[in-house]
Amino acid sequence: KEGDFTKYNYFVLKGSLREYRIIDGIEKTTELYIEEDAIFSESTLNGKSSEYYIVCESDCVLLRSSEKEEYIFRTNFAVIDSFCNTFIKKEVVKRQAKYSNYAISNPEERYLNILQNKPYLLQRFSQYHIASYIGVKPESLSRIKKRISKIC
């Protein structure tokens, strides 16, 4: 939770998690995690306390590792080091694209992007959290969905 420190990074093997911040007393969903997503914390890199909360939205199985454990594995096993380097590069590119698209799109375009590229998120997370994730209130999401249904 906000203000906590963590020593671990996580990899989602099963389940769904939601990351959020509380701004002016309101939860703002900042990320949705499902299988094969990595969860990194600023705490593990620089010891800075977290500004985020993470909550499991379903039963989860996570792979947990500390920076020290990762260093040992990467130093002793070249194949793991190679895999981690490739995975991290792909993760950085994926997140850069996501945040760039988010910055230049409006909420309706963000919802359409989920609908076209990650429709499974709509079954795994509540409409309330999807609305927060795309930056609108639930009633605005309802209007967006209504407009889209008329087009399709």
N, C-alpha and C. Protein backbone atom coordinates (compact mmCIF):
# COMPACT_ATOMS: atom_id res chain seq x y z
N LYS A 1 0.83 -1.18 0.00
CA LYS A 1 0.00 0.00 0.00
C LYS A 1 0.88 1.24 0.00
N GLU A 2 0.24 2.39 -0.22
CA GLU A 2 0.98 3.64 -0.28
C GLU A 2 1.83 3.83 0.97
N GLY A 3 3.07 4.27 0.77
CA GLY A 3 3.98 4.50 1.88
C GLY A 3 4.80 3.30 2.27
N ASP A 4 4.41 2.12 1.79
CA ASP A 4 5.16 0.89 2.10
C ASP A 4 6.40 0.78 1.23
N PHE A 5 7.30 -0.04 1.69
CA PHE A 5 8.49 -0.41 0.93
C PHE A 5 8.35 -1.89 0.59
N THR A 6 8.80 -2.28 -0.58
CA THR A 6 8.82 -3.70 -0.91
C THR A 6 10.21 -4.07 -1.38
N LYS A 7 10.59 -5.29 -1.10
CA LYS A 7 11.88 -5.81 -1.54
C LYS A 7 11.72 -6.69 -2.77
N TYR A 8 10.48 -6.83 -3.27
CA TYR A 8 10.21 -7.84 -4.29
C TYR A 8 9.62 -7.28 -5.57
N ASN A 9 9.93 -7.98 -6.64
CA ASN A 9 9.24 -7.83 -7.92
C ASN A 9 8.37 -9.07 -8.07
N TYR A 10 7.34 -8.96 -8.88
CA TYR A 10 6.39 -10.06 -9.02
C TYR A 10 6.12 -10.36 -10.49
N PHE A 11 5.78 -11.60 -10.75
CA PHE A 11 5.36 -12.04 -12.07
C PHE A 11 4.05 -12.79 -11.86
N VAL A 12 3.01 -12.41 -12.59
CA VAL A 12 1.69 -12.99 -12.39
C VAL A 12 1.59 -14.31 -13.15
N LEU A 13 1.45 -15.40 -12.42
CA LEU A 13 1.25 -16.72 -13.02
C LEU A 13 -0.24 -16.99 -13.23
N LYS A 14 -1.06 -16.50 -12.29
CA LYS A 14 -2.50 -16.71 -12.38
C LYS A 14 -3.20 -15.58 -11.64
N GLY A 15 -4.32 -15.11 -12.21
CA GLY A 15 -5.13 -14.13 -11.52
C GLY A 15 -5.08 -12.75 -12.12
N SER A 16 -5.71 -11.83 -11.41
CA SER A 16 -5.77 -10.44 -11.87
C SER A 16 -5.58 -9.51 -10.67
N LEU A 17 -4.78 -8.48 -10.90
CA LEU A 17 -4.47 -7.50 -9.87
C LEU A 17 -4.69 -6.11 -10.43
N ARG A 18 -4.98 -5.19 -9.54
CA ARG A 18 -5.20 -3.81 -9.94
C ARG A 18 -4.31 -2.91 -9.11
N GLU A 19 -3.67 -1.96 -9.79
CA GLU A 19 -2.83 -0.97 -9.13
C GLU A 19 -3.57 0.36 -9.16
N TYR A 20 -3.54 1.07 -8.04
CA TYR A 20 -4.21 2.37 -8.01
C TYR A 20 -3.53 3.32 -7.04
N ARG A 21 -3.86 4.58 -7.20
CA ARG A 21 -3.45 5.63 -6.27
C ARG A 21 -4.71 6.28 -5.73
N ILE A 22 -4.60 6.89 -4.59
CA ILE A 22 -5.72 7.65 -4.06
C ILE A 22 -5.38 9.13 -4.22
N ILE A 23 -6.21 9.81 -4.99
CA ILE A 23 -6.01 11.24 -5.27
C ILE A 23 -7.28 11.97 -4.85
N ASP A 24 -7.13 12.91 -3.96
CA ASP A 24 -8.27 13.65 -3.42
C ASP A 24 -9.36 12.71 -2.91
N GLY A 25 -8.94 11.63 -2.27
CA GLY A 25 -9.87 10.69 -1.68
C GLY A 25 -10.53 9.72 -2.65
N ILE A 26 -10.12 9.76 -3.92
CA ILE A 26 -10.72 8.90 -4.94
C ILE A 26 -9.67 7.95 -5.50
N GLU A 27 -10.04 6.66 -5.62
CA GLU A 27 -9.14 5.68 -6.23
C GLU A 27 -9.03 5.95 -7.73
N LYS A 28 -7.82 6.01 -8.22
CA LYS A 28 -7.54 6.16 -9.65
C LYS A 28 -6.74 4.93 -10.09
N THR A 29 -7.36 4.07 -10.89
CA THR A 29 -6.69 2.87 -11.36
C THR A 29 -5.61 3.24 -12.35
N THR A 30 -4.39 2.78 -12.10
CA THR A 30 -3.26 3.13 -12.95
C THR A 30 -2.76 1.95 -13.79
N GLU A 31 -3.08 0.73 -13.35
CA GLU A 31 -2.63 -0.44 -14.11
C GLU A 31 -3.48 -1.64 -13.76
N LEU A 32 -3.66 -2.51 -14.75
CA LEU A 32 -4.36 -3.77 -14.58
C LEU A 32 -3.39 -4.88 -14.97
N TYR A 33 -3.21 -5.85 -14.09
CA TYR A 33 -2.27 -6.93 -14.32
C TYR A 33 -3.00 -8.26 -14.42
N ILE A 34 -2.57 -9.09 -15.37
CA ILE A 34 -3.09 -10.45 -15.52
C ILE A 34 -1.91 -11.38 -15.77
N GLU A 35 -2.21 -12.63 -16.10
CA GLU A 35 -1.16 -13.63 -16.34
C GLU A 35 -0.09 -13.09 -17.29
N GLU A 36 1.16 -13.41 -16.94
CA GLU A 36 2.36 -13.07 -17.70
C GLU A 36 2.72 -11.60 -17.66
N ASP A 37 2.13 -10.86 -16.71
CA ASP A 37 2.53 -9.47 -16.50
C ASP A 37 3.53 -9.40 -15.35
N ALA A 38 4.43 -8.45 -15.45
CA ALA A 38 5.43 -8.23 -14.40
C ALA A 38 5.03 -6.99 -13.60
N ILE A 39 5.25 -7.07 -12.31
CA ILE A 39 4.98 -5.95 -11.42
C ILE A 39 6.29 -5.55 -10.78
N PHE A 40 6.77 -4.38 -11.15
CA PHE A 40 8.01 -3.85 -10.59
C PHE A 40 7.67 -2.67 -9.69
N SER A 41 8.46 -2.49 -8.65
CA SER A 41 8.23 -1.39 -7.74
C SER A 41 9.47 -0.51 -7.67
N GLU A 42 9.22 0.78 -7.53
CA GLU A 42 10.32 1.70 -7.35
C GLU A 42 11.12 1.38 -6.09
N SER A 43 10.44 0.81 -5.11
CA SER A 43 11.10 0.46 -3.84
C SER A 43 12.27 -0.49 -4.05
N THR A 44 12.10 -1.45 -4.96
CA THR A 44 13.16 -2.44 -5.14
C THR A 44 14.40 -1.84 -5.78
N LEU A 45 14.23 -0.77 -6.52
CA LEU A 45 15.38 -0.16 -7.18
C LEU A 45 16.06 0.92 -6.34
N ASN A 46 15.25 1.77 -5.71
CA ASN A 46 15.86 2.91 -5.03
C ASN A 46 15.42 3.09 -3.58
N GLY A 47 14.65 2.15 -3.06
CA GLY A 47 14.22 2.24 -1.67
C GLY A 47 13.18 3.30 -1.40
N LYS A 48 12.63 3.89 -2.45
CA LYS A 48 11.61 4.92 -2.28
C LYS A 48 10.29 4.26 -1.90
N SER A 49 9.55 4.87 -0.99
CA SER A 49 8.27 4.30 -0.60
C SER A 49 7.28 4.39 -1.75
N SER A 50 6.35 3.47 -1.76
CA SER A 50 5.39 3.37 -2.85
C SER A 50 4.34 4.47 -2.80
N GLU A 51 3.91 4.90 -3.97
CA GLU A 51 2.79 5.84 -4.09
C GLU A 51 1.52 5.10 -4.48
N TYR A 52 1.60 3.78 -4.60
CA TYR A 52 0.51 2.97 -5.15
C TYR A 52 0.03 1.91 -4.17
N TYR A 53 -1.18 1.48 -4.42
CA TYR A 53 -1.75 0.30 -3.77
C TYR A 53 -1.88 -0.76 -4.85
N ILE A 54 -1.73 -2.02 -4.49
CA ILE A 54 -2.00 -3.12 -5.41
C ILE A 54 -2.93 -4.09 -4.69
N VAL A 55 -4.01 -4.47 -5.36
CA VAL A 55 -5.00 -5.37 -4.77
C VAL A 55 -5.28 -6.51 -5.74
N CYS A 56 -5.42 -7.71 -5.20
CA CYS A 56 -5.80 -8.86 -6.02
C CYS A 56 -7.30 -8.78 -6.26
N GLU A 57 -7.70 -8.82 -7.51
CA GLU A 57 -9.11 -8.78 -7.88
C GLU A 57 -9.67 -10.19 -8.03
N SER A 58 -8.81 -11.17 -8.00
CA SER A 58 -9.21 -12.58 -8.04
C SER A 58 -8.13 -13.36 -7.30
N ASP A 59 -8.34 -14.67 -7.13
CA ASP A 59 -7.28 -15.49 -6.55
C ASP A 59 -6.06 -15.42 -7.45
N CYS A 60 -4.90 -15.26 -6.85
CA CYS A 60 -3.68 -15.07 -7.63
C CYS A 60 -2.58 -16.03 -7.21
N VAL A 61 -1.73 -16.36 -8.18
CA VAL A 61 -0.49 -17.06 -7.93
C VAL A 61 0.60 -16.18 -8.53
N LEU A 62 1.53 -15.75 -7.69
CA LEU A 62 2.58 -14.83 -8.12
C LEU A 62 3.95 -15.45 -7.88
N LEU A 63 4.86 -15.17 -8.78
CA LEU A 63 6.26 -15.52 -8.59
C LEU A 63 6.92 -14.28 -8.02
N ARG A 64 7.57 -14.43 -6.88
CA ARG A 64 8.16 -13.31 -6.18
C ARG A 64 9.68 -13.46 -6.17
N SER A 65 10.38 -12.35 -6.44
CA SER A 65 11.84 -12.40 -6.36
C SER A 65 12.39 -11.06 -5.90
N SER A 66 13.45 -11.14 -5.13
CA SER A 66 14.13 -9.93 -4.68
C SER A 66 15.22 -9.58 -5.69
N GLU A 67 15.72 -8.38 -5.59
CA GLU A 67 16.82 -7.96 -6.46
C GLU A 67 18.04 -8.88 -6.25
N LYS A 68 18.29 -9.25 -4.99
CA LYS A 68 19.43 -10.12 -4.69
C LYS A 68 19.24 -11.49 -5.34
N GLU A 69 18.04 -12.07 -5.23
CA GLU A 69 17.76 -13.37 -5.85
C GLU A 69 17.91 -13.29 -7.36
N GLU A 70 17.38 -12.22 -7.94
CA GLU A 70 17.50 -12.05 -9.39
C GLU A 70 18.96 -11.94 -9.81
N TYR A 71 19.75 -11.20 -9.04
CA TYR A 71 21.17 -11.07 -9.35
C TYR A 71 21.86 -12.43 -9.32
N ILE A 72 21.58 -13.22 -8.30
CA ILE A 72 22.20 -14.55 -8.17
C ILE A 72 21.82 -15.43 -9.37
N PHE A 73 20.53 -15.47 -9.69
CA PHE A 73 20.10 -16.29 -10.83
C PHE A 73 20.71 -15.81 -12.14
N ARG A 74 20.71 -14.50 -12.35
CA ARG A 74 21.21 -13.96 -13.61
C ARG A 74 22.72 -14.14 -13.73
N THR A 75 23.43 -14.09 -12.62
CA THR A 75 24.88 -14.26 -12.62
C THR A 75 25.27 -15.72 -12.87
N ASN A 76 24.51 -16.64 -12.31
CA ASN A 76 24.86 -18.05 -12.38
C ASN A 76 24.25 -18.81 -13.56
N PHE A 77 23.24 -18.25 -14.17
CA PHE A 77 22.55 -18.96 -15.26
C PHE A 77 22.38 -18.02 -16.45
N ALA A 78 23.24 -18.21 -17.45
CA ALA A 78 23.24 -17.33 -18.63
C ALA A 78 21.89 -17.33 -19.35
N VAL A 79 21.23 -18.48 -19.40
CA VAL A 79 19.95 -18.55 -20.10
C VAL A 79 18.90 -17.69 -19.39
N ILE A 80 18.93 -17.65 -18.07
CA ILE A 80 18.00 -16.80 -17.32
C ILE A 80 18.34 -15.33 -17.55
N ASP A 81 19.61 -15.01 -17.55
CA ASP A 81 20.03 -13.63 -17.80
C ASP A 81 19.57 -13.17 -19.18
N SER A 82 19.75 -14.01 -20.17
CA SER A 82 19.32 -13.67 -21.53
C SER A 82 17.80 -13.49 -21.61
N PHE A 83 17.08 -14.42 -20.98
CA PHE A 83 15.62 -14.32 -20.96
C PHE A 83 15.17 -13.02 -20.28
N CYS A 84 15.77 -12.71 -19.14
CA CYS A 84 15.39 -11.50 -18.40
C CYS A 84 15.69 -10.24 -19.20
N ASN A 85 16.84 -10.18 -19.86
CA ASN A 85 17.17 -9.02 -20.69
C ASN A 85 16.14 -8.83 -21.79
N THR A 86 15.79 -9.90 -22.47
CA THR A 86 14.80 -9.81 -23.55
C THR A 86 13.44 -9.42 -23.00
N PHE A 87 13.04 -10.05 -21.90
CA PHE A 87 11.74 -9.76 -21.29
C PHE A 87 11.65 -8.29 -20.87
N ILE A 88 12.68 -7.79 -20.22
CA ILE A 88 12.67 -6.40 -19.75
C ILE A 88 12.61 -5.42 -20.92
N LYS A 89 13.34 -5.69 -21.98
CA LYS A 89 13.29 -4.82 -23.16
C LYS A 89 11.89 -4.80 -23.76
N LYS A 90 11.28 -5.97 -23.87
CA LYS A 90 9.91 -6.04 -24.40
C LYS A 90 8.94 -5.31 -23.49
N GLU A 91 9.13 -5.44 -22.20
CA GLU A 91 8.27 -4.77 -21.22
C GLU A 91 8.39 -3.26 -21.33
N VAL A 92 9.60 -2.76 -21.48
CA VAL A 92 9.81 -1.32 -21.62
C VAL A 92 9.14 -0.80 -22.88
N VAL A 93 9.33 -1.49 -23.99
CA VAL A 93 8.71 -1.08 -25.26
C VAL A 93 7.18 -1.10 -25.15
N LYS A 94 6.65 -2.16 -24.54
CA LYS A 94 5.19 -2.30 -24.37
C LYS A 94 4.65 -1.14 -23.53
N ARG A 95 5.31 -0.83 -22.44
CA ARG A 95 4.84 0.26 -21.57
C ARG A 95 5.00 1.62 -22.22
N GLN A 96 6.07 1.83 -22.97
CA GLN A 96 6.24 3.10 -23.67
C GLN A 96 5.10 3.31 -24.67
N ALA A 97 4.78 2.27 -25.43
CA ALA A 97 3.69 2.36 -26.40
C ALA A 97 2.36 2.63 -25.70
N LYS A 98 2.15 1.93 -24.60
CA LYS A 98 0.90 2.10 -23.85
C LYS A 98 0.75 3.53 -23.35
N TYR A 99 1.77 4.07 -22.73
CA TYR A 99 1.67 5.41 -22.17
C TYR A 99 1.63 6.48 -23.27
N SER A 100 2.31 6.26 -24.36
CA SER A 100 2.22 7.20 -25.49
C SER A 100 0.81 7.22 -26.05
N ASN A 101 0.25 6.03 -26.26
CA ASN A 101 -1.12 5.95 -26.78
C ASN A 101 -2.11 6.57 -25.81
N TYR A 102 -1.91 6.35 -24.53
CA TYR A 102 -2.80 6.92 -23.52
C TYR A 102 -2.76 8.45 -23.57
N ALA A 103 -1.57 9.00 -23.71
CA ALA A 103 -1.41 10.45 -23.68
C ALA A 103 -2.06 11.14 -24.87
N ILE A 104 -2.11 10.46 -26.02
CA ILE A 104 -2.65 11.11 -27.22
C ILE A 104 -4.08 10.69 -27.55
N SER A 105 -4.69 9.86 -26.71
CA SER A 105 -6.04 9.40 -27.01
C SER A 105 -7.05 9.94 -25.99
N ASN A 106 -8.30 9.95 -26.40
CA ASN A 106 -9.36 10.37 -25.49
C ASN A 106 -9.96 9.10 -24.86
N PRO A 107 -10.81 9.25 -23.84
CA PRO A 107 -11.36 8.08 -23.16
C PRO A 107 -12.08 7.08 -24.09
N GLU A 108 -12.80 7.57 -25.08
CA GLU A 108 -13.48 6.66 -26.00
C GLU A 108 -12.46 5.83 -26.79
N GLU A 109 -11.41 6.47 -27.24
CA GLU A 109 -10.35 5.74 -27.96
C GLU A 109 -9.66 4.74 -27.04
N ARG A 110 -9.49 5.10 -25.77
CA ARG A 110 -8.87 4.18 -24.81
C ARG A 110 -9.76 2.94 -24.62
N TYR A 111 -11.06 3.17 -24.51
CA TYR A 111 -11.98 2.04 -24.35
C TYR A 111 -11.98 1.17 -25.61
N LEU A 112 -12.01 1.80 -26.77
CA LEU A 112 -11.96 1.05 -28.03
C LEU A 112 -10.68 0.22 -28.12
N ASN A 113 -9.58 0.78 -27.66
CA ASN A 113 -8.31 0.05 -27.66
C ASN A 113 -8.41 -1.21 -26.81
N ILE A 114 -9.02 -1.10 -25.63
CA ILE A 114 -9.22 -2.28 -24.78
C ILE A 114 -10.13 -3.26 -25.49
N LEU A 115 -11.22 -2.76 -26.05
CA LEU A 115 -12.20 -3.61 -26.72
C LEU A 115 -11.56 -4.39 -27.88
N GLN A 116 -10.67 -3.73 -28.61
CA GLN A 116 -10.05 -4.36 -29.78
C GLN A 116 -8.83 -5.22 -29.44
N ASN A 117 -8.06 -4.80 -28.44
CA ASN A 117 -6.79 -5.47 -28.18
C ASN A 117 -6.74 -6.31 -26.90
N LYS A 118 -7.58 -5.99 -25.93
CA LYS A 118 -7.57 -6.73 -24.67
C LYS A 118 -8.99 -6.90 -24.13
N PRO A 119 -9.89 -7.46 -24.92
CA PRO A 119 -11.29 -7.56 -24.48
C PRO A 119 -11.46 -8.39 -23.21
N TYR A 120 -10.54 -9.29 -22.94
CA TYR A 120 -10.60 -10.13 -21.74
C TYR A 120 -10.55 -9.29 -20.46
N LEU A 121 -9.98 -8.08 -20.52
CA LEU A 121 -9.95 -7.22 -19.34
C LEU A 121 -11.35 -6.83 -18.91
N LEU A 122 -12.26 -6.74 -19.88
CA LEU A 122 -13.64 -6.34 -19.57
C LEU A 122 -14.38 -7.41 -18.78
N GLN A 123 -13.94 -8.66 -18.89
CA GLN A 123 -14.54 -9.74 -18.11
C GLN A 123 -13.85 -9.91 -16.75
N ARG A 124 -12.64 -9.43 -16.64
CA ARG A 124 -11.85 -9.69 -15.43
C ARG A 124 -11.88 -8.56 -14.42
N PHE A 125 -12.27 -7.37 -14.86
CA PHE A 125 -12.30 -6.22 -13.97
C PHE A 125 -13.66 -5.55 -14.05
N SER A 126 -14.07 -4.95 -12.95
CA SER A 126 -15.39 -4.31 -12.90
C SER A 126 -15.43 -3.09 -13.83
N GLN A 127 -16.63 -2.74 -14.24
CA GLN A 127 -16.80 -1.56 -15.09
C GLN A 127 -16.34 -0.30 -14.36
N TYR A 128 -16.51 -0.29 -13.06
CA TYR A 128 -16.05 0.83 -12.25
C TYR A 128 -14.53 1.01 -12.40
N HIS A 129 -13.79 -0.10 -12.33
CA HIS A 129 -12.33 -0.03 -12.44
C HIS A 129 -11.89 0.24 -13.87
N ILE A 130 -12.60 -0.30 -14.85
CA ILE A 130 -12.29 0.00 -16.26
C ILE A 130 -12.47 1.50 -16.50
N ALA A 131 -13.57 2.06 -15.98
CA ALA A 131 -13.82 3.50 -16.15
C ALA A 131 -12.66 4.31 -15.57
N SER A 132 -12.26 3.97 -14.35
CA SER A 132 -11.15 4.67 -13.72
C SER A 132 -9.87 4.53 -14.54
N TYR A 133 -9.64 3.34 -15.06
CA TYR A 133 -8.44 3.05 -15.85
C TYR A 133 -8.36 3.90 -17.11
N ILE A 134 -9.49 4.16 -17.75
CA ILE A 134 -9.47 4.99 -18.97
C ILE A 134 -9.66 6.47 -18.66
N GLY A 135 -9.86 6.79 -17.37
CA GLY A 135 -9.89 8.19 -16.96
C GLY A 135 -11.26 8.84 -16.96
N VAL A 136 -12.32 8.05 -16.76
CA VAL A 136 -13.68 8.62 -16.71
C VAL A 136 -14.44 8.06 -15.52
N LYS A 137 -15.59 8.64 -15.26
CA LYS A 137 -16.49 8.12 -14.23
C LYS A 137 -17.34 7.01 -14.85
N PRO A 138 -17.88 6.11 -14.04
CA PRO A 138 -18.68 5.00 -14.58
C PRO A 138 -19.82 5.42 -15.49
N GLU A 139 -20.48 6.52 -15.17
CA GLU A 139 -21.58 6.97 -16.03
C GLU A 139 -21.09 7.42 -17.40
N SER A 140 -19.89 7.98 -17.46
CA SER A 140 -19.31 8.36 -18.75
C SER A 140 -18.96 7.11 -19.56
N LEU A 141 -18.46 6.08 -18.89
CA LEU A 141 -18.17 4.83 -19.59
C LEU A 141 -19.45 4.26 -20.17
N SER A 142 -20.55 4.33 -19.43
CA SER A 142 -21.84 3.84 -19.94
C SER A 142 -22.23 4.58 -21.21
N ARG A 143 -22.03 5.89 -21.24
CA ARG A 143 -22.34 6.68 -22.45
C ARG A 143 -21.44 6.29 -23.62
N ILE A 144 -20.14 6.06 -23.32
CA ILE A 144 -19.19 5.64 -24.36
C ILE A 144 -19.63 4.29 -24.93
N LYS A 145 -19.97 3.35 -24.08
CA LYS A 145 -20.40 2.02 -24.53
C LYS A 145 -21.67 2.12 -25.37
N LYS A 146 -22.57 2.99 -24.98
CA LYS A 146 -23.82 3.17 -25.73
C LYS A 146 -23.53 3.72 -27.13
N ARG A 147 -22.65 4.74 -27.21
CA ARG A 147 -22.28 5.31 -28.52
C ARG A 147 -21.63 4.25 -29.41
N ILE A 148 -20.72 3.47 -28.83
CA ILE A 148 -20.02 2.45 -29.60
C ILE A 148 -20.99 1.38 -30.09
N SER A 149 -21.94 1.00 -29.25
CA SER A 149 -22.89 -0.04 -29.65
C SER A 149 -23.76 0.40 -30.81
N LYS A 150 -24.03 1.70 -30.93
CA LYS A 150 -24.81 2.23 -32.05
C LYS A 150 -24.01 2.17 -33.36
N ILE A 151 -22.70 2.34 -33.24
CA ILE A 151 -21.82 2.32 -34.42
C ILE A 151 -21.64 0.89 -34.92
N CYS A 152 -21.47 -0.04 -33.98
CA CYS A 152 -21.19 -1.43 -34.35
C CYS A 152 -22.46 -2.09 -34.68
